[in-house]
Amino acid sequence: MEPPVPPQEQPPRPRSHTVTTTSSSFTANLSASSSTLAYDREFLRTVPGLLMVTEIGLCFNGSAFVLYLIAAIVDASSVTKDLDSHNYNSWAASSFFAFVVTSCYAGNTYFSFISWRSRTLQ
């Protein structure tokens, strides 16, 4: 019996690698766009323009209300009788007025919301 013939060794075939790349045109579009903000009076006279302005007033008042409320609570919690009477009275007055300002922003936020809501329903 003859020994088995070893299979012929073939040289390894080179593997082909396919690389696919894509590019985005976002940067090209970004550089071609205008980098200045324009004031469009005609847009502000339209319903969407008025709604946008009202929403910006609404967002400002709402965020101011939240920030003033936090500041008023921190201010009121820091008032102690341990301070001398002059400082105690000053801190108590500042706490009172902080809550007055907070309530003004809360009311303004409410009325801005009502105004914004009535314009969106139209």
C-alpha atoms as a PDB file:
ATOM      1  CA  MET A   1       0.000   0.000   0.000  1.00  0.00           C
ATOM      2  CA  GLU A   2       1.206   3.407  -0.888  1.00  0.00           C
ATOM      3  CA  PRO A   3       1.265   6.215   1.594  1.00  0.00           C
ATOM      4  CA  PRO A   4      -1.393   8.857   1.001  1.00  0.00           C
ATOM      5  CA  VAL A   5      -0.318  11.719  -1.138  1.00  0.00           C
ATOM      6  CA  PRO A   6      -0.361  14.943   0.827  1.00  0.00           C
ATOM      7  CA  PRO A   7      -2.572  17.555  -0.730  1.00  0.00           C
ATOM      8  CA  GLN A   8      -0.670  20.072  -2.627  1.00  0.00           C
ATOM      9  CA  GLU A   9      -0.160  23.196  -0.678  1.00  0.00           C
ATOM     10  CA  GLN A  10      -1.547  26.138  -2.439  1.00  0.00           C
ATOM     11  CA  PRO A  11      -0.176  29.563  -1.814  1.00  0.00           C
ATOM     12  CA  PRO A  12      -2.572  31.652   0.283  1.00  0.00           C
ATOM     13  CA  ARG A  13      -4.839  33.785  -1.807  1.00  0.00           C
ATOM     14  CA  PRO A  14      -4.700  37.464  -1.144  1.00  0.00           C
ATOM     15  CA  ARG A  15      -7.934  38.658   0.433  1.00  0.00           C
ATOM     16  CA  SER A  16      -9.545  41.661  -1.012  1.00  0.00           C
ATOM     17  CA  HIS A  17     -10.702  44.280   1.474  1.00  0.00           C
ATOM     18  CA  THR A  18     -13.463  46.591   0.497  1.00  0.00           C
ATOM     19  CA  VAL A  19     -13.688  49.815   2.442  1.00  0.00           C
ATOM     20  CA  THR A  20     -16.706  51.991   1.980  1.00  0.00           C
ATOM     21  CA  THR A  21     -16.635  55.572   3.191  1.00  0.00           C
ATOM     22  CA  THR A  22     -19.326  58.165   3.235  1.00  0.00           C
ATOM     23  CA  SER A  23     -19.061  61.843   3.770  1.00  0.00           C
ATOM     24  CA  SER A  24     -21.571  64.252   5.147  1.00  0.00           C
ATOM     25  CA  SER A  25     -22.371  67.512   3.497  1.00  0.00           C
ATOM     26  CA  PHE A  26     -23.388  69.072   6.835  1.00  0.00           C
ATOM     27  CA  THR A  27     -20.180  71.053   7.208  1.00  0.00           C
ATOM     28  CA  ALA A  28     -20.430  72.304   3.667  1.00  0.00           C
ATOM     29  CA  ASN A  29     -23.992  73.442   4.257  1.00  0.00           C
ATOM     30  CA  LEU A  30     -23.039  74.953   7.574  1.00  0.00           C
ATOM     31  CA  SER A  31     -20.287  77.068   6.111  1.00  0.00           C
ATOM     32  CA  ALA A  32     -22.516  78.221   3.282  1.00  0.00           C
ATOM     33  CA  SER A  33     -25.298  79.344   5.601  1.00  0.00           C
ATOM     34  CA  SER A  34     -25.558  82.808   7.024  1.00  0.00           C
ATOM     35  CA  SER A  35     -23.908  83.276  10.386  1.00  0.00           C
ATOM     36  CA  THR A  36     -25.888  86.351  11.392  1.00  0.00           C
ATOM     37  CA  LEU A  37     -29.310  86.511  12.954  1.00  0.00           C
ATOM     38  CA  ALA A  38     -31.784  88.583  11.046  1.00  0.00           C
ATOM     39  CA  TYR A  39     -34.653  90.571  12.527  1.00  0.00           C
ATOM     40  CA  ASP A  40     -37.763  89.861  10.492  1.00  0.00           C
ATOM     41  CA  ARG A  41     -40.472  92.298  11.488  1.00  0.00           C
ATOM     42  CA  GLU A  42     -42.973  90.719   9.090  1.00  0.00           C
ATOM     43  CA  PHE A  43     -42.540  87.291  10.698  1.00  0.00           C
ATOM     44  CA  LEU A  44     -43.187  88.752  14.147  1.00  0.00           C
ATOM     45  CA  ARG A  45     -46.537  90.088  12.901  1.00  0.00           C
ATOM     46  CA  THR A  46     -47.740  86.612  11.933  1.00  0.00           C
ATOM     47  CA  VAL A  47     -49.491  84.219  14.309  1.00  0.00           C
ATOM     48  CA  PRO A  48     -46.479  81.845  14.563  1.00  0.00           C
ATOM     49  CA  GLY A  49     -44.199  84.826  15.234  1.00  0.00           C
ATOM     50  CA  LEU A  50     -46.459  86.143  17.992  1.00  0.00           C
ATOM     51  CA  LEU A  51     -46.673  82.681  19.527  1.00  0.00           C
ATOM     52  CA  MET A  52     -42.897  82.365  19.494  1.00  0.00           C
ATOM     53  CA  VAL A  53     -42.409  85.725  21.215  1.00  0.00           C
ATOM     54  CA  THR A  54     -45.050  84.875  23.823  1.00  0.00           C
ATOM     55  CA  GLU A  55     -43.465  81.506  24.450  1.00  0.00           C
ATOM     56  CA  ILE A  56     -40.076  83.168  24.966  1.00  0.00           C
ATOM     57  CA  GLY A  57     -41.806  85.661  27.504  1.00  0.00           C
ATOM     58  CA  LEU A  58     -43.466  82.658  29.142  1.00  0.00           C
ATOM     59  CA  CYS A  59     -40.161  80.735  29.392  1.00  0.00           C
ATOM     60  CA  PHE A  60     -38.352  83.755  30.844  1.00  0.00           C
ATOM     61  CA  ASN A  61     -41.008  84.358  33.508  1.00  0.00           C
ATOM     62  CA  GLY A  62     -41.229  80.692  34.414  1.00  0.00           C
ATOM     63  CA  SER A  63     -37.487  80.280  34.834  1.00  0.00           C
ATOM     64  CA  ALA A  64     -37.230  83.570  36.776  1.00  0.00           C
ATOM     65  CA  PHE A  65     -40.023  82.367  39.082  1.00  0.00           C
ATOM     66  CA  VAL A  66     -38.216  79.094  39.825  1.00  0.00           C
ATOM     67  CA  LEU A  67     -34.866  80.809  40.443  1.00  0.00           C
ATOM     68  CA  TYR A  68     -36.382  83.526  42.661  1.00  0.00           C
ATOM     69  CA  LEU A  69     -38.322  80.896  44.613  1.00  0.00           C
ATOM     70  CA  ILE A  70     -35.133  78.968  45.332  1.00  0.00           C
ATOM     71  CA  ALA A  71     -33.335  82.153  46.338  1.00  0.00           C
ATOM     72  CA  ALA A  72     -36.222  83.244  48.575  1.00  0.00           C
ATOM     73  CA  ILE A  73     -36.307  79.880  50.361  1.00  0.00           C
ATOM     74  CA  VAL A  74     -32.548  79.907  50.911  1.00  0.00           C
ATOM     75  CA  ASP A  75     -32.722  83.518  52.103  1.00  0.00           C
ATOM     76  CA  ALA A  76     -35.582  82.809  54.514  1.00  0.00           C
ATOM     77  CA  SER A  77     -33.890  79.721  55.929  1.00  0.00           C
ATOM     78  CA  SER A  78     -30.731  81.678  56.695  1.00  0.00           C
ATOM     79  CA  VAL A  79     -32.509  84.251  58.908  1.00  0.00           C
ATOM     80  CA  THR A  80     -31.862  83.473  62.565  1.00  0.00           C
ATOM     81  CA  LYS A  81     -32.421  85.430  65.766  1.00  0.00           C
ATOM     82  CA  ASP A  82     -28.763  84.820  66.686  1.00  0.00           C
ATOM     83  CA  LEU A  83     -27.744  87.794  64.568  1.00  0.00           C
ATOM     84  CA  ASP A  84     -27.876  91.244  66.101  1.00  0.00           C
ATOM     85  CA  SER A  85     -31.155  93.103  65.616  1.00  0.00           C
ATOM     86  CA  HIS A  86     -29.981  95.265  62.696  1.00  0.00           C
ATOM     87  CA  ASN A  87     -28.815  92.305  60.622  1.00  0.00           C
ATOM     88  CA  TYR A  88     -31.869  90.278  61.630  1.00  0.00           C
ATOM     89  CA  ASN A  89     -34.234  92.992  60.430  1.00  0.00           C
ATOM     90  CA  SER A  90     -32.309  93.371  57.155  1.00  0.00           C
ATOM     91  CA  TRP A  91     -32.352  89.634  56.465  1.00  0.00           C
ATOM     92  CA  ALA A  92     -36.051  89.395  57.364  1.00  0.00           C
ATOM     93  CA  ALA A  93     -36.854  92.295  55.010  1.00  0.00           C
ATOM     94  CA  SER A  94     -34.831  90.751  52.198  1.00  0.00           C
ATOM     95  CA  SER A  95     -36.692  87.454  52.675  1.00  0.00           C
ATOM     96  CA  PHE A  96     -40.046  89.228  52.577  1.00  0.00           C
ATOM     97  CA  PHE A  97     -39.215  91.107  49.383  1.00  0.00           C
ATOM     98  CA  ALA A  98     -37.761  87.973  47.804  1.00  0.00           C
ATOM     99  CA  PHE A  99     -41.138  86.292  48.248  1.00  0.00           C
ATOM    100  CA  VAL A 100     -42.931  89.398  46.907  1.00  0.00           C
ATOM    101  CA  VAL A 101     -40.792  89.302  43.749  1.00  0.00           C
ATOM    102  CA  THR A 102     -41.344  85.549  43.486  1.00  0.00           C
ATOM    103  CA  SER A 103     -45.111  85.999  43.654  1.00  0.00           C
ATOM    104  CA  CYS A 104     -44.909  88.733  40.977  1.00  0.00           C
ATOM    105  CA  TYR A 105     -43.025  86.392  38.646  1.00  0.00           C
ATOM    106  CA  ALA A 106     -45.506  83.604  39.425  1.00  0.00           C
ATOM    107  CA  GLY A 107     -48.413  85.860  38.476  1.00  0.00           C
ATOM    108  CA  ASN A 108     -46.650  87.056  35.355  1.00  0.00           C
ATOM    109  CA  THR A 109     -45.923  83.452  34.369  1.00  0.00           C
ATOM    110  CA  TYR A 110     -49.591  82.552  34.857  1.00  0.00           C
ATOM    111  CA  PHE A 111     -50.836  85.457  32.751  1.00  0.00           C
ATOM    112  CA  SER A 112     -48.230  84.747  30.056  1.00  0.00           C
ATOM    113  CA  PHE A 113     -49.397  81.142  29.961  1.00  0.00           C
ATOM    114  CA  ILE A 114     -53.047  82.194  29.661  1.00  0.00           C
ATOM    115  CA  SER A 115     -52.132  84.581  26.842  1.00  0.00           C
ATOM    116  CA  TRP A 116     -50.068  81.926  25.059  1.00  0.00           C
ATOM    117  CA  ARG A 117     -52.830  79.368  25.504  1.00  0.00           C
ATOM    118  CA  SER A 118     -55.512  81.662  24.079  1.00  0.00           C
ATOM    119  CA  ARG A 119     -53.394  82.368  21.002  1.00  0.00           C
ATOM    120  CA  THR A 120     -52.754  78.692  20.321  1.00  0.00           C
ATOM    121  CA  LEU A 121     -56.471  77.905  20.441  1.00  0.00           C
ATOM    122  CA  GLN A 122     -57.292  80.495  17.765  1.00  0.00           C
END
